[in-house]
Amino acid sequence: MKIDIDRNRCIGAGQCALTAPKVFTQDDDGFSELLPGHEDALDGAAVKEAVKVAVRVCPVQAITIE
């Protein structure tokens, strides 16, 4: 699974960081970013499911997974 955040689309709502705090955080400006080491494969079914939920709850669909 590869996670991508469209930083031009992100509005800093923070839903991803609330939904999957082991994967997402917010930078100093409040925009979404991945925690180090989570750019590609994710370990554990619970974490993968949380990322899928974060994709769905993003109000501007700035997060995609492949």
PDB file of N, CA and C in Angstrom:
ATOM      1  N   MET A   1       0.851  -1.173   0.000  1.00  0.00           N
ATOM      2  CA  MET A   1       0.000   0.000   0.000  1.00  0.00           C
ATOM      3  C   MET A   1       0.897   1.237   0.000  1.00  0.00           C
ATOM      4  N   LYS A   2       0.661   2.136  -0.934  1.00  0.00           N
ATOM      5  CA  LYS A   2       1.384   3.397  -0.984  1.00  0.00           C
ATOM      6  C   LYS A   2       0.392   4.518  -0.689  1.00  0.00           C
ATOM      7  N   ILE A   3       0.776   5.415   0.202  1.00  0.00           N
ATOM      8  CA  ILE A   3      -0.082   6.525   0.606  1.00  0.00           C
ATOM      9  C   ILE A   3       0.455   7.805  -0.014  1.00  0.00           C
ATOM     10  N   ASP A   4      -0.444   8.609  -0.575  1.00  0.00           N
ATOM     11  CA  ASP A   4      -0.046   9.894  -1.150  1.00  0.00           C
ATOM     12  C   ASP A   4      -0.971  10.973  -0.606  1.00  0.00           C
ATOM     13  N   ILE A   5      -0.386  12.106  -0.248  1.00  0.00           N
ATOM     14  CA  ILE A   5      -1.154  13.257   0.216  1.00  0.00           C
ATOM     15  C   ILE A   5      -0.946  14.384  -0.777  1.00  0.00           C
ATOM     16  N   ASP A   6      -2.031  14.877  -1.351  1.00  0.00           N
ATOM     17  CA  ASP A   6      -1.969  16.015  -2.266  1.00  0.00           C
ATOM     18  C   ASP A   6      -1.910  17.279  -1.425  1.00  0.00           C
ATOM     19  N   ARG A   7      -0.712  17.801  -1.246  1.00  0.00           N
ATOM     20  CA  ARG A   7      -0.514  18.963  -0.366  1.00  0.00           C
ATOM     21  C   ARG A   7      -1.155  20.221  -0.940  1.00  0.00           C
ATOM     22  N   ASN A   8      -1.431  20.253  -2.219  1.00  0.00           N
ATOM     23  CA  ASN A   8      -2.127  21.400  -2.808  1.00  0.00           C
ATOM     24  C   ASN A   8      -3.621  21.361  -2.507  1.00  0.00           C
ATOM     25  N   ARG A   9      -4.136  20.185  -2.233  1.00  0.00           N
ATOM     26  CA  ARG A   9      -5.558  20.011  -1.952  1.00  0.00           C
ATOM     27  C   ARG A   9      -5.861  20.036  -0.452  1.00  0.00           C
ATOM     28  N   CYS A  10      -4.913  19.600   0.373  1.00  0.00           N
ATOM     29  CA  CYS A  10      -5.114  19.512   1.817  1.00  0.00           C
ATOM     30  C   CYS A  10      -5.489  20.871   2.407  1.00  0.00           C
ATOM     31  N   ILE A  11      -6.510  20.868   3.284  1.00  0.00           N
ATOM     32  CA  ILE A  11      -6.927  22.104   3.957  1.00  0.00           C
ATOM     33  C   ILE A  11      -6.619  22.079   5.452  1.00  0.00           C
ATOM     34  N   GLY A  12      -5.994  21.006   5.907  1.00  0.00           N
ATOM     35  CA  GLY A  12      -5.609  20.922   7.315  1.00  0.00           C
ATOM     36  C   GLY A  12      -6.744  20.612   8.259  1.00  0.00           C
ATOM     37  N   ALA A  13      -7.752  19.891   7.800  1.00  0.00           N
ATOM     38  CA  ALA A  13      -8.887  19.554   8.662  1.00  0.00           C
ATOM     39  C   ALA A  13      -8.473  18.628   9.805  1.00  0.00           C
ATOM     40  N   GLY A  14      -7.443  17.819   9.589  1.00  0.00           N
ATOM     41  CA  GLY A  14      -6.913  16.970  10.645  1.00  0.00           C
ATOM     42  C   GLY A  14      -7.642  15.664  10.862  1.00  0.00           C
ATOM     43  N   GLN A  15      -8.615  15.340  10.019  1.00  0.00           N
ATOM     44  CA  GLN A  15      -9.366  14.095  10.181  1.00  0.00           C
ATOM     45  C   GLN A  15      -8.472  12.868  10.036  1.00  0.00           C
ATOM     46  N   CYS A  16      -7.469  12.955   9.171  1.00  0.00           N
ATOM     47  CA  CYS A  16      -6.556  11.821   8.979  1.00  0.00           C
ATOM     48  C   CYS A  16      -5.752  11.562  10.252  1.00  0.00           C
ATOM     49  N   ALA A  17      -5.244  12.621  10.862  1.00  0.00           N
ATOM     50  CA  ALA A  17      -4.445  12.475  12.081  1.00  0.00           C
ATOM     51  C   ALA A  17      -5.299  11.972  13.248  1.00  0.00           C
ATOM     52  N   LEU A  18      -6.555  12.352  13.281  1.00  0.00           N
ATOM     53  CA  LEU A  18      -7.457  11.865  14.328  1.00  0.00           C
ATOM     54  C   LEU A  18      -7.828  10.409  14.102  1.00  0.00           C
ATOM     55  N   THR A  19      -7.999  10.027  12.841  1.00  0.00           N
ATOM     56  CA  THR A  19      -8.432   8.679  12.491  1.00  0.00           C
ATOM     57  C   THR A  19      -7.295   7.667  12.553  1.00  0.00           C
ATOM     58  N   ALA A  20      -6.115   8.053  12.076  1.00  0.00           N
ATOM     59  CA  ALA A  20      -4.968   7.137  12.013  1.00  0.00           C
ATOM     60  C   ALA A  20      -3.710   7.834  12.546  1.00  0.00           C
ATOM     61  N   PRO A  21      -3.653   8.085  13.854  1.00  0.00           N
ATOM     62  CA  PRO A  21      -2.525   8.833  14.428  1.00  0.00           C
ATOM     63  C   PRO A  21      -1.193   8.104  14.379  1.00  0.00           C
ATOM     64  N   LYS A  22      -1.205   6.800  14.090  1.00  0.00           N
ATOM     65  CA  LYS A  22       0.056   6.065  13.954  1.00  0.00           C
ATOM     66  C   LYS A  22       0.675   6.270  12.576  1.00  0.00           C
ATOM     67  N   VAL A  23      -0.089   6.889  11.666  1.00  0.00           N
ATOM     68  CA  VAL A  23       0.366   7.073  10.292  1.00  0.00           C
ATOM     69  C   VAL A  23       0.476   8.546   9.916  1.00  0.00           C
ATOM     70  N   PHE A  24      -0.515   9.347  10.315  1.00  0.00           N
ATOM     71  CA  PHE A  24      -0.579  10.750   9.903  1.00  0.00           C
ATOM     72  C   PHE A  24      -0.314  11.691  11.071  1.00  0.00           C
ATOM     73  N   THR A  25       0.206  12.847  10.742  1.00  0.00           N
ATOM     74  CA  THR A  25       0.359  13.939  11.689  1.00  0.00           C
ATOM     75  C   THR A  25       0.083  15.220  10.917  1.00  0.00           C
ATOM     76  N   GLN A  26       0.233  16.351  11.569  1.00  0.00           N
ATOM     77  CA  GLN A  26       0.094  17.631  10.894  1.00  0.00           C
ATOM     78  C   GLN A  26       1.388  18.400  11.075  1.00  0.00           C
ATOM     79  N   ASP A  27       1.789  19.103  10.004  1.00  0.00           N
ATOM     80  CA  ASP A  27       3.024  19.876  10.072  1.00  0.00           C
ATOM     81  C   ASP A  27       2.793  21.174  10.843  1.00  0.00           C
ATOM     82  N   ASP A  28       3.796  22.015  10.906  1.00  0.00           N
ATOM     83  CA  ASP A  28       3.703  23.260  11.675  1.00  0.00           C
ATOM     84  C   ASP A  28       2.619  24.204  11.151  1.00  0.00           C
ATOM     85  N   ASP A  29       2.249  24.051   9.878  1.00  0.00           N
ATOM     86  CA  ASP A  29       1.199  24.882   9.291  1.00  0.00           C
ATOM     87  C   ASP A  29      -0.178  24.231   9.391  1.00  0.00           C
ATOM     88  N   GLY A  30      -0.239  23.026   9.974  1.00  0.00           N
ATOM     89  CA  GLY A  30      -1.503  22.338  10.164  1.00  0.00           C
ATOM     90  C   GLY A  30      -1.905  21.400   9.048  1.00  0.00           C
ATOM     91  N   PHE A  31      -1.040  21.235   8.047  1.00  0.00           N
ATOM     92  CA  PHE A  31      -1.366  20.372   6.922  1.00  0.00           C
ATOM     93  C   PHE A  31      -0.917  18.938   7.182  1.00  0.00           C
ATOM     94  N   SER A  32      -1.619  18.009   6.555  1.00  0.00           N
ATOM     95  CA  SER A  32      -1.359  16.594   6.749  1.00  0.00           C
ATOM     96  C   SER A  32       0.000  16.185   6.215  1.00  0.00           C
ATOM     97  N   GLU A  33       0.638  15.274   6.959  1.00  0.00           N
ATOM     98  CA  GLU A  33       1.866  14.644   6.476  1.00  0.00           C
ATOM     99  C   GLU A  33       1.962  13.265   7.107  1.00  0.00           C
ATOM    100  N   LEU A  34       2.722  12.413   6.439  1.00  0.00           N
ATOM    101  CA  LEU A  34       2.928  11.065   6.949  1.00  0.00           C
ATOM    102  C   LEU A  34       4.026  11.062   7.992  1.00  0.00           C
ATOM    103  N   LEU A  35       3.850  10.244   8.998  1.00  0.00           N
ATOM    104  CA  LEU A  35       4.927  10.045   9.960  1.00  0.00           C
ATOM    105  C   LEU A  35       6.050   9.291   9.256  1.00  0.00           C
ATOM    106  N   PRO A  36       7.285   9.517   9.623  1.00  0.00           N
ATOM    107  CA  PRO A  36       8.404   8.824   8.970  1.00  0.00           C
ATOM    108  C   PRO A  36       8.215   7.310   8.985  1.00  0.00           C
ATOM    109  N   GLY A  37       8.515   6.695   7.841  1.00  0.00           N
ATOM    110  CA  GLY A  37       8.423   5.252   7.725  1.00  0.00           C
ATOM    111  C   GLY A  37       7.082   4.736   7.248  1.00  0.00           C
ATOM    112  N   HIS A  38       6.130   5.614   6.979  1.00  0.00           N
ATOM    113  CA  HIS A  38       4.801   5.169   6.559  1.00  0.00           C
ATOM    114  C   HIS A  38       4.472   5.564   5.126  1.00  0.00           C
ATOM    115  N   GLU A  39       5.489   5.804   4.320  1.00  0.00           N
ATOM    116  CA  GLU A  39       5.246   6.188   2.936  1.00  0.00           C
ATOM    117  C   GLU A  39       4.773   5.014   2.096  1.00  0.00           C
ATOM    118  N   ASP A  40       5.185   3.812   2.463  1.00  0.00           N
ATOM    119  CA  ASP A  40       4.851   2.635   1.653  1.00  0.00           C
ATOM    120  C   ASP A  40       4.037   1.627   2.468  1.00  0.00           C
ATOM    121  N   ALA A  41       4.548   0.434   2.617  1.00  0.00           N
ATOM    122  CA  ALA A  41       3.804  -0.650   3.269  1.00  0.00           C
ATOM    123  C   ALA A  41       3.527  -0.331   4.738  1.00  0.00           C
ATOM    124  N   LEU A  42       2.365  -0.766   5.169  1.00  0.00           N
ATOM    125  CA  LEU A  42       1.965  -0.578   6.564  1.00  0.00           C
ATOM    126  C   LEU A  42       1.790  -1.933   7.216  1.00  0.00           C
ATOM    127  N   ASP A  43       2.214  -2.033   8.452  1.00  0.00           N
ATOM    128  CA  ASP A  43       2.084  -3.287   9.178  1.00  0.00           C
ATOM    129  C   ASP A  43       0.774  -3.321   9.945  1.00  0.00           C
ATOM    130  N   GLY A  44       0.100  -4.432   9.869  1.00  0.00           N
ATOM    131  CA  GLY A  44      -1.086  -4.665  10.684  1.00  0.00           C
ATOM    132  C   GLY A  44      -2.382  -4.290  10.004  1.00  0.00           C
ATOM    133  N   ALA A  45      -3.360  -5.151  10.149  1.00  0.00           N
ATOM    134  CA  ALA A  45      -4.669  -4.944   9.542  1.00  0.00           C
ATOM    135  C   ALA A  45      -5.370  -3.721  10.118  1.00  0.00           C
ATOM    136  N   ALA A  46      -5.221  -3.484  11.423  1.00  0.00           N
ATOM    137  CA  ALA A  46      -5.886  -2.338  12.053  1.00  0.00           C
ATOM    138  C   ALA A  46      -5.362  -1.019  11.503  1.00  0.00           C
ATOM    139  N   VAL A  47      -4.057  -0.949  11.277  1.00  0.00           N
ATOM    140  CA  VAL A  47      -3.470   0.280  10.733  1.00  0.00           C
ATOM    141  C   VAL A  47      -3.933   0.478   9.293  1.00  0.00           C
ATOM    142  N   LYS A  48      -3.946  -0.580   8.509  1.00  0.00           N
ATOM    143  CA  LYS A  48      -4.407  -0.478   7.122  1.00  0.00           C
ATOM    144  C   LYS A  48      -5.862  -0.018   7.071  1.00  0.00           C
ATOM    145  N   GLU A  49      -6.688  -0.549   7.942  1.00  0.00           N
ATOM    146  CA  GLU A  49      -8.093  -0.151   7.969  1.00  0.00           C
ATOM    147  C   GLU A  49      -8.224   1.317   8.387  1.00  0.00           C
ATOM    148  N   ALA A  50      -7.436   1.765   9.348  1.00  0.00           N
ATOM    149  CA  ALA A  50      -7.476   3.163   9.780  1.00  0.00           C
ATOM    150  C   ALA A  50      -7.097   4.104   8.635  1.00  0.00           C
ATOM    151  N   VAL A  51      -6.121   3.700   7.833  1.00  0.00           N
ATOM    152  CA  VAL A  51      -5.725   4.518   6.684  1.00  0.00           C
ATOM    153  C   VAL A  51      -6.872   4.589   5.682  1.00  0.00           C
ATOM    154  N   LYS A  52      -7.546   3.469   5.437  1.00  0.00           N
ATOM    155  CA  LYS A  52      -8.675   3.471   4.512  1.00  0.00           C
ATOM    156  C   LYS A  52      -9.790   4.382   5.012  1.00  0.00           C
ATOM    157  N   VAL A  53     -10.023   4.390   6.315  1.00  0.00           N
ATOM    158  CA  VAL A  53     -11.030   5.281   6.895  1.00  0.00           C
ATOM    159  C   VAL A  53     -10.585   6.739   6.734  1.00  0.00           C
ATOM    160  N   ALA A  54      -9.308   7.019   6.952  1.00  0.00           N
ATOM    161  CA  ALA A  54      -8.789   8.378   6.794  1.00  0.00           C
ATOM    162  C   ALA A  54      -8.992   8.876   5.373  1.00  0.00           C
ATOM    163  N   VAL A  55      -8.807   7.998   4.409  1.00  0.00           N
ATOM    164  CA  VAL A  55      -9.049   8.375   3.006  1.00  0.00           C
ATOM    165  C   VAL A  55     -10.506   8.782   2.824  1.00  0.00           C
ATOM    166  N   ARG A  56     -11.415   8.029   3.408  1.00  0.00           N
ATOM    167  CA  ARG A  56     -12.850   8.311   3.248  1.00  0.00           C
ATOM    168  C   ARG A  56     -13.282   9.576   3.980  1.00  0.00           C
ATOM    169  N   VAL A  57     -12.694   9.870   5.139  1.00  0.00           N
ATOM    170  CA  VAL A  57     -13.171  11.009   5.924  1.00  0.00           C
ATOM    171  C   VAL A  57     -12.508  12.334   5.541  1.00  0.00           C
ATOM    172  N   CYS A  58     -11.482  12.296   4.711  1.00  0.00           N
ATOM    173  CA  CYS A  58     -10.840  13.542   4.286  1.00  0.00           C
ATOM    174  C   CYS A  58     -11.873  14.387   3.521  1.00  0.00           C
ATOM    175  N   PRO A  59     -12.175  15.603   3.990  1.00  0.00           N
ATOM    176  CA  PRO A  59     -13.227  16.386   3.364  1.00  0.00           C
ATOM    177  C   PRO A  59     -12.913  16.862   1.943  1.00  0.00           C
ATOM    178  N   VAL A  60     -11.643  16.836   1.560  1.00  0.00           N
ATOM    179  CA  VAL A  60     -11.270  17.286   0.206  1.00  0.00           C
ATOM    180  C   VAL A  60     -10.604  16.191  -0.604  1.00  0.00           C
ATOM    181  N   GLN A  61     -10.646  14.948  -0.110  1.00  0.00           N
ATOM    182  CA  GLN A  61     -10.067  13.801  -0.788  1.00  0.00           C
ATOM    183  C   GLN A  61      -8.598  14.042  -1.184  1.00  0.00           C
ATOM    184  N   ALA A  62      -7.825  14.550  -0.234  1.00  0.00           N
ATOM    185  CA  ALA A  62      -6.405  14.835  -0.475  1.00  0.00           C
ATOM    186  C   ALA A  62      -5.525  13.605  -0.312  1.00  0.00           C
ATOM    187  N   ILE A  63      -6.068  12.517   0.238  1.00  0.00           N
ATOM    188  CA  ILE A  63      -5.277  11.310   0.502  1.00  0.00           C
ATOM    189  C   ILE A  63      -5.717  10.215  -0.459  1.00  0.00           C
ATOM    190  N   THR A  64      -4.742   9.591  -1.083  1.00  0.00           N
ATOM    191  CA  THR A  64      -5.024   8.444  -1.943  1.00  0.00           C
ATOM    192  C   THR A  64      -4.120   7.296  -1.541  1.00  0.00           C
ATOM    193  N   ILE A  65      -4.587   6.075  -1.800  1.00  0.00           N
ATOM    194  CA  ILE A  65      -3.782   4.889  -1.555  1.00  0.00           C
ATOM    195  C   ILE A  65      -3.788   4.020  -2.799  1.00  0.00           C
ATOM    196  N   GLU A  66      -2.678   3.342  -2.990  1.00  0.00           N
ATOM    197  CA  GLU A  66      -2.564   2.412  -4.128  1.00  0.00           C
ATOM    198  C   GLU A  66      -2.204   1.051  -3.601  1.00  0.00           C
TER     199      GLU A  66
END
